[in-house]
C-alpha atoms as a PDB file:
ATOM      1  CA  UNK A   1     -52.289  60.570  64.963  1.00  0.00           C
ATOM      2  CA  UNK A   2     -53.144  61.260  68.579  1.00  0.00           C
ATOM      3  CA  UNK A   3     -55.362  64.059  69.874  1.00  0.00           C
ATOM      4  CA  UNK A   4     -52.410  66.280  70.877  1.00  0.00           C
ATOM      5  CA  UNK A   5     -51.000  66.211  67.342  1.00  0.00           C
ATOM      6  CA  UNK A   6     -54.442  67.027  65.885  1.00  0.00           C
ATOM      7  CA  UNK A   7     -54.772  69.936  68.350  1.00  0.00           C
ATOM      8  CA  UNK A   8     -51.412  71.404  67.299  1.00  0.00           C
ATOM      9  CA  UNK A   9     -52.203  71.010  63.604  1.00  0.00           C
ATOM     10  CA  UNK A  10     -55.478  72.864  64.219  1.00  0.00           C
ATOM     11  CA  UNK A  11     -53.612  75.617  66.113  1.00  0.00           C
ATOM     12  CA  UNK A  12     -51.122  75.963  63.237  1.00  0.00           C
ATOM     13  CA  UNK A  13     -53.916  76.238  60.670  1.00  0.00           C
ATOM     14  CA  UNK A  14     -55.722  78.787  62.855  1.00  0.00           C
ATOM     15  CA  UNK A  15     -52.489  80.739  63.298  1.00  0.00           C
ATOM     16  CA  UNK A  16     -52.083  81.014  59.542  1.00  0.00           C
ATOM     17  CA  UNK A  17     -55.786  81.759  59.057  1.00  0.00           C
ATOM     18  CA  UNK A  18     -55.725  84.816  61.331  1.00  0.00           C
ATOM     19  CA  UNK A  19     -56.420  87.812  59.155  1.00  0.00           C
ATOM     20  CA  UNK A  20     -57.608  85.744  56.212  1.00  0.00           C
ATOM     21  CA  UNK A  21     -61.103  87.171  56.207  1.00  0.00           C
ATOM     22  CA  UNK A  22     -62.829  86.472  52.923  1.00  0.00           C
ATOM     23  CA  UNK A  23     -63.483  89.456  50.678  1.00  0.00           C
ATOM     24  CA  UNK A  24     -64.469  89.817  47.068  1.00  0.00           C
ATOM     25  CA  UNK A  25     -61.698  91.073  44.812  1.00  0.00           C
ATOM     26  CA  UNK A  26     -62.594  93.288  41.871  1.00  0.00           C
ATOM     27  CA  UNK A  27     -60.232  94.063  38.994  1.00  0.00           C
ATOM     28  CA  UNK A  28     -58.910  97.610  38.616  1.00  0.00           C
ATOM     29  CA  UNK A  29     -58.454  99.490  35.371  1.00  0.00           C
ATOM     30  CA  UNK A  30     -54.940 100.634  34.322  1.00  0.00           C
ATOM     31  CA  UNK A  31     -55.629 104.252  35.337  1.00  0.00           C
ATOM     32  CA  UNK A  32     -56.805 103.082  38.787  1.00  0.00           C
ATOM     33  CA  UNK A  33     -53.671 100.943  39.206  1.00  0.00           C
ATOM     34  CA  UNK A  34     -51.368 103.861  38.366  1.00  0.00           C
ATOM     35  CA  UNK A  35     -51.959 105.533  41.725  1.00  0.00           C
ATOM     36  CA  UNK A  36     -51.498 102.401  43.853  1.00  0.00           C
ATOM     37  CA  UNK A  37     -48.292 101.315  45.516  1.00  0.00           C
ATOM     38  CA  UNK A  38     -47.581  98.603  48.059  1.00  0.00           C
ATOM     39  CA  UNK A  39     -48.519  94.977  48.159  1.00  0.00           C
ATOM     40  CA  UNK A  40     -49.993  92.088  50.047  1.00  0.00           C
ATOM     41  CA  UNK A  41     -48.208  89.367  51.849  1.00  0.00           C
ATOM     42  CA  UNK A  42     -46.489  87.862  54.780  1.00  0.00           C
ATOM     43  CA  UNK A  43     -42.874  86.911  54.450  1.00  0.00           C
ATOM     44  CA  UNK A  44     -40.631  84.938  56.728  1.00  0.00           C
ATOM     45  CA  UNK A  45     -37.309  84.855  54.868  1.00  0.00           C
ATOM     46  CA  UNK A  46     -35.423  81.562  54.605  1.00  0.00           C
ATOM     47  CA  UNK A  47     -33.239  80.921  57.610  1.00  0.00           C
ATOM     48  CA  UNK A  48     -35.074  83.436  59.802  1.00  0.00           C
ATOM     49  CA  UNK A  49     -36.695  82.718  63.169  1.00  0.00           C
ATOM     50  CA  UNK A  50     -39.795  84.465  64.520  1.00  0.00           C
ATOM     51  CA  UNK A  51     -40.353  84.291  68.271  1.00  0.00           C
ATOM     52  CA  UNK A  52     -43.737  83.277  69.666  1.00  0.00           C
ATOM     53  CA  UNK A  53     -44.734  84.669  73.052  1.00  0.00           C
ATOM     54  CA  UNK A  54     -48.308  84.533  74.335  1.00  0.00           C
ATOM     55  CA  UNK A  55     -49.937  85.123  77.693  1.00  0.00           C
ATOM     56  CA  UNK A  56     -53.668  84.985  78.419  1.00  0.00           C
ATOM     57  CA  UNK A  57     -55.027  85.763  81.863  1.00  0.00           C
ATOM     58  CA  UNK A  58     -58.292  83.841  81.445  1.00  0.00           C
ATOM     59  CA  UNK A  59     -59.769  82.081  78.415  1.00  0.00           C
ATOM     60  CA  UNK A  60     -63.291  80.873  79.122  1.00  0.00           C
ATOM     61  CA  UNK A  61     -66.321  79.051  77.736  1.00  0.00           C
ATOM     62  CA  UNK A  62     -69.795  79.976  79.014  1.00  0.00           C
ATOM     63  CA  UNK A  63     -72.837  77.689  78.993  1.00  0.00           C
ATOM     64  CA  UNK A  64     -75.980  79.480  80.147  1.00  0.00           C
ATOM     65  CA  UNK A  65     -78.016  76.372  81.013  1.00  0.00           C
ATOM     66  CA  UNK A  66     -75.403  73.702  81.767  1.00  0.00           C
ATOM     67  CA  UNK A  67     -76.464  70.118  81.132  1.00  0.00           C
ATOM     68  CA  UNK A  68     -80.140  71.025  81.519  1.00  0.00           C
ATOM     69  CA  UNK A  69     -82.420  70.108  83.245  1.00  0.00           C
ATOM     70  CA  UNK A  70     -80.155  68.816  86.043  1.00  0.00           C
ATOM     71  CA  UNK A  71     -77.653  71.655  86.461  1.00  0.00           C
ATOM     72  CA  UNK A  72     -77.150  75.380  86.165  1.00  0.00           C
ATOM     73  CA  UNK A  73     -75.019  77.361  83.763  1.00  0.00           C
ATOM     74  CA  UNK A  74     -71.435  78.270  84.424  1.00  0.00           C
ATOM     75  CA  UNK A  75     -67.960  78.959  83.090  1.00  0.00           C
ATOM     76  CA  UNK A  76     -65.121  76.653  82.172  1.00  0.00           C
ATOM     77  CA  UNK A  77     -61.988  78.788  82.514  1.00  0.00           C
ATOM     78  CA  UNK A  78     -58.396  78.200  81.448  1.00  0.00           C
ATOM     79  CA  UNK A  79     -56.362  80.517  83.677  1.00  0.00           C
ATOM     80  CA  UNK A  80     -52.761  81.615  83.188  1.00  0.00           C
ATOM     81  CA  UNK A  81     -52.221  80.373  79.630  1.00  0.00           C
ATOM     82  CA  UNK A  82     -48.602  80.830  78.475  1.00  0.00           C
ATOM     83  CA  UNK A  83     -46.763  79.871  75.294  1.00  0.00           C
ATOM     84  CA  UNK A  84     -43.106  80.389  74.392  1.00  0.00           C
ATOM     85  CA  UNK A  85     -41.619  79.138  71.169  1.00  0.00           C
ATOM     86  CA  UNK A  86     -40.549  80.011  67.651  1.00  0.00           C
ATOM     87  CA  UNK A  87     -41.234  79.518  63.951  1.00  0.00           C
ATOM     88  CA  UNK A  88     -38.310  79.183  61.580  1.00  0.00           C
ATOM     89  CA  UNK A  89     -37.909  78.543  57.874  1.00  0.00           C
ATOM     90  CA  UNK A  90     -35.073  76.293  56.873  1.00  0.00           C
ATOM     91  CA  UNK A  91     -35.782  76.061  53.156  1.00  0.00           C
ATOM     92  CA  UNK A  92     -37.535  78.572  50.934  1.00  0.00           C
ATOM     93  CA  UNK A  93     -39.364  81.553  52.422  1.00  0.00           C
ATOM     94  CA  UNK A  94     -42.985  81.071  53.463  1.00  0.00           C
ATOM     95  CA  UNK A  95     -45.220  82.439  50.697  1.00  0.00           C
ATOM     96  CA  UNK A  96     -48.897  83.297  50.643  1.00  0.00           C
ATOM     97  CA  UNK A  97     -51.062  83.603  47.559  1.00  0.00           C
ATOM     98  CA  UNK A  98     -54.708  84.576  47.211  1.00  0.00           C
ATOM     99  CA  UNK A  99     -56.914  83.237  44.469  1.00  0.00           C
ATOM    100  CA  UNK A 100     -59.539  80.750  43.403  1.00  0.00           C
ATOM    101  CA  UNK A 101     -59.000  77.115  44.388  1.00  0.00           C
ATOM    102  CA  UNK A 102     -60.853  73.835  43.969  1.00  0.00           C
ATOM    103  CA  UNK A 103     -62.574  72.784  47.206  1.00  0.00           C
ATOM    104  CA  UNK A 104     -61.598  69.375  48.569  1.00  0.00           C
ATOM    105  CA  UNK A 105     -65.113  69.143  50.064  1.00  0.00           C
ATOM    106  CA  UNK A 106     -67.214  69.233  46.897  1.00  0.00           C
ATOM    107  CA  UNK A 107     -64.813  70.226  44.056  1.00  0.00           C
ATOM    108  CA  UNK A 108     -66.465  73.653  43.704  1.00  0.00           C
ATOM    109  CA  UNK A 109     -64.307  76.716  43.036  1.00  0.00           C
ATOM    110  CA  UNK A 110     -63.771  78.876  46.132  1.00  0.00           C
ATOM    111  CA  UNK A 111     -61.835  82.059  46.927  1.00  0.00           C
ATOM    112  CA  UNK A 112     -59.152  81.753  49.545  1.00  0.00           C
ATOM    113  CA  UNK A 113     -55.497  81.795  50.460  1.00  0.00           C
ATOM    114  CA  UNK A 114     -52.767  79.290  49.720  1.00  0.00           C
ATOM    115  CA  UNK A 115     -49.723  78.977  51.979  1.00  0.00           C
ATOM    116  CA  UNK A 116     -46.675  77.328  50.396  1.00  0.00           C
ATOM    117  CA  UNK A 117     -44.467  75.951  53.128  1.00  0.00           C
ATOM    118  CA  UNK A 118     -41.028  74.467  52.506  1.00  0.00           C
ATOM    119  CA  UNK A 119     -39.353  73.074  55.615  1.00  0.00           C
ATOM    120  CA  UNK A 120     -41.018  75.187  58.295  1.00  0.00           C
ATOM    121  CA  UNK A 121     -40.232  74.305  61.915  1.00  0.00           C
ATOM    122  CA  UNK A 122     -42.527  75.201  64.800  1.00  0.00           C
ATOM    123  CA  UNK A 123     -40.999  74.879  68.249  1.00  0.00           C
ATOM    124  CA  UNK A 124     -43.017  75.163  71.430  1.00  0.00           C
ATOM    125  CA  UNK A 125     -40.479  75.371  74.235  1.00  0.00           C
ATOM    126  CA  UNK A 126     -43.136  75.729  76.905  1.00  0.00           C
ATOM    127  CA  UNK A 127     -46.950  75.735  76.860  1.00  0.00           C
ATOM    128  CA  UNK A 128     -48.838  75.829  80.145  1.00  0.00           C
ATOM    129  CA  UNK A 129     -52.265  76.359  81.636  1.00  0.00           C
ATOM    130  CA  UNK A 130     -51.861  77.223  85.321  1.00  0.00           C
ATOM    131  CA  UNK A 131     -55.428  76.322  86.376  1.00  0.00           C
ATOM    132  CA  UNK A 132     -58.566  74.798  84.855  1.00  0.00           C
ATOM    133  CA  UNK A 133     -61.590  76.088  86.759  1.00  0.00           C
ATOM    134  CA  UNK A 134     -65.379  75.647  86.723  1.00  0.00           C
ATOM    135  CA  UNK A 135     -67.365  78.404  88.384  1.00  0.00           C
ATOM    136  CA  UNK A 136     -70.058  81.046  88.243  1.00  0.00           C
ATOM    137  CA  UNK A 137     -67.775  83.707  86.672  1.00  0.00           C
ATOM    138  CA  UNK A 138     -64.691  83.674  84.420  1.00  0.00           C
ATOM    139  CA  UNK A 139     -61.623  82.542  86.404  1.00  0.00           C
ATOM    140  CA  UNK A 140     -63.645  81.616  89.527  1.00  0.00           C
ATOM    141  CA  UNK A 141     -64.149  78.214  91.108  1.00  0.00           C
ATOM    142  CA  UNK A 142     -62.014  75.370  92.325  1.00  0.00           C
ATOM    143  CA  UNK A 143     -59.105  74.283  90.153  1.00  0.00           C
ATOM    144  CA  UNK A 144     -59.029  70.867  88.476  1.00  0.00           C
ATOM    145  CA  UNK A 145     -55.247  71.241  88.221  1.00  0.00           C
ATOM    146  CA  UNK A 146     -52.806  72.435  85.587  1.00  0.00           C
ATOM    147  CA  UNK A 147     -51.575  71.156  82.248  1.00  0.00           C
ATOM    148  CA  UNK A 148     -48.366  71.786  80.365  1.00  0.00           C
ATOM    149  CA  UNK A 149     -46.140  70.713  77.522  1.00  0.00           C
ATOM    150  CA  UNK A 150     -42.440  71.204  76.862  1.00  0.00           C
ATOM    151  CA  UNK A 151     -40.069  70.706  73.937  1.00  0.00           C
ATOM    152  CA  UNK A 152     -42.643  70.219  71.163  1.00  0.00           C
ATOM    153  CA  UNK A 153     -41.227  70.330  67.611  1.00  0.00           C
ATOM    154  CA  UNK A 154     -43.239  70.107  64.371  1.00  0.00           C
ATOM    155  CA  UNK A 155     -41.860  70.277  60.836  1.00  0.00           C
ATOM    156  CA  UNK A 156     -44.152  71.213  57.957  1.00  0.00           C
ATOM    157  CA  UNK A 157     -43.741  71.122  54.194  1.00  0.00           C
ATOM    158  CA  UNK A 158     -46.407  71.462  51.535  1.00  0.00           C
ATOM    159  CA  UNK A 159     -49.379  73.630  50.700  1.00  0.00           C
ATOM    160  CA  UNK A 160     -52.178  74.661  53.055  1.00  0.00           C
ATOM    161  CA  UNK A 161     -55.313  76.175  51.546  1.00  0.00           C
ATOM    162  CA  UNK A 162     -57.668  78.240  53.715  1.00  0.00           C
ATOM    163  CA  UNK A 163     -61.065  79.266  52.391  1.00  0.00           C
ATOM    164  CA  UNK A 164     -64.623  79.799  53.447  1.00  0.00           C
ATOM    165  CA  UNK A 165     -66.907  77.135  52.010  1.00  0.00           C
END
């Protein structure tokens, strides 16, 4: 698996992890449940497509001391970041469940979220970074060039578990 595939897998996991902040769940008594309506979840029905559109003016990393002691601090900026694509489910709907799972790190029990994915397709029609700059402020400095990707397709099936260890 090359670095580009690993990067996209990480982006997919991060996409699904957004909003999955860990919190302790406490059981409610019957009388407390009586006044509650609604539910939790994210649903992408089978056969549906969700469009992905993203634009970032400047995404930057700051290092206050550079590669000390021979340099000064500065910013590495990704300028004009754009993404256009879609997510579609071809099989069963995407489902999310919260609960207690066994950690693959040390087999301990951890609270988290489980995403059941059956034939999910992620399409990135166009991903581009217009300029990669190093300078004294976000977005400043000479450009090292641009980077882009077109017509990326990834198909996923299985279970992804996200938890704080």
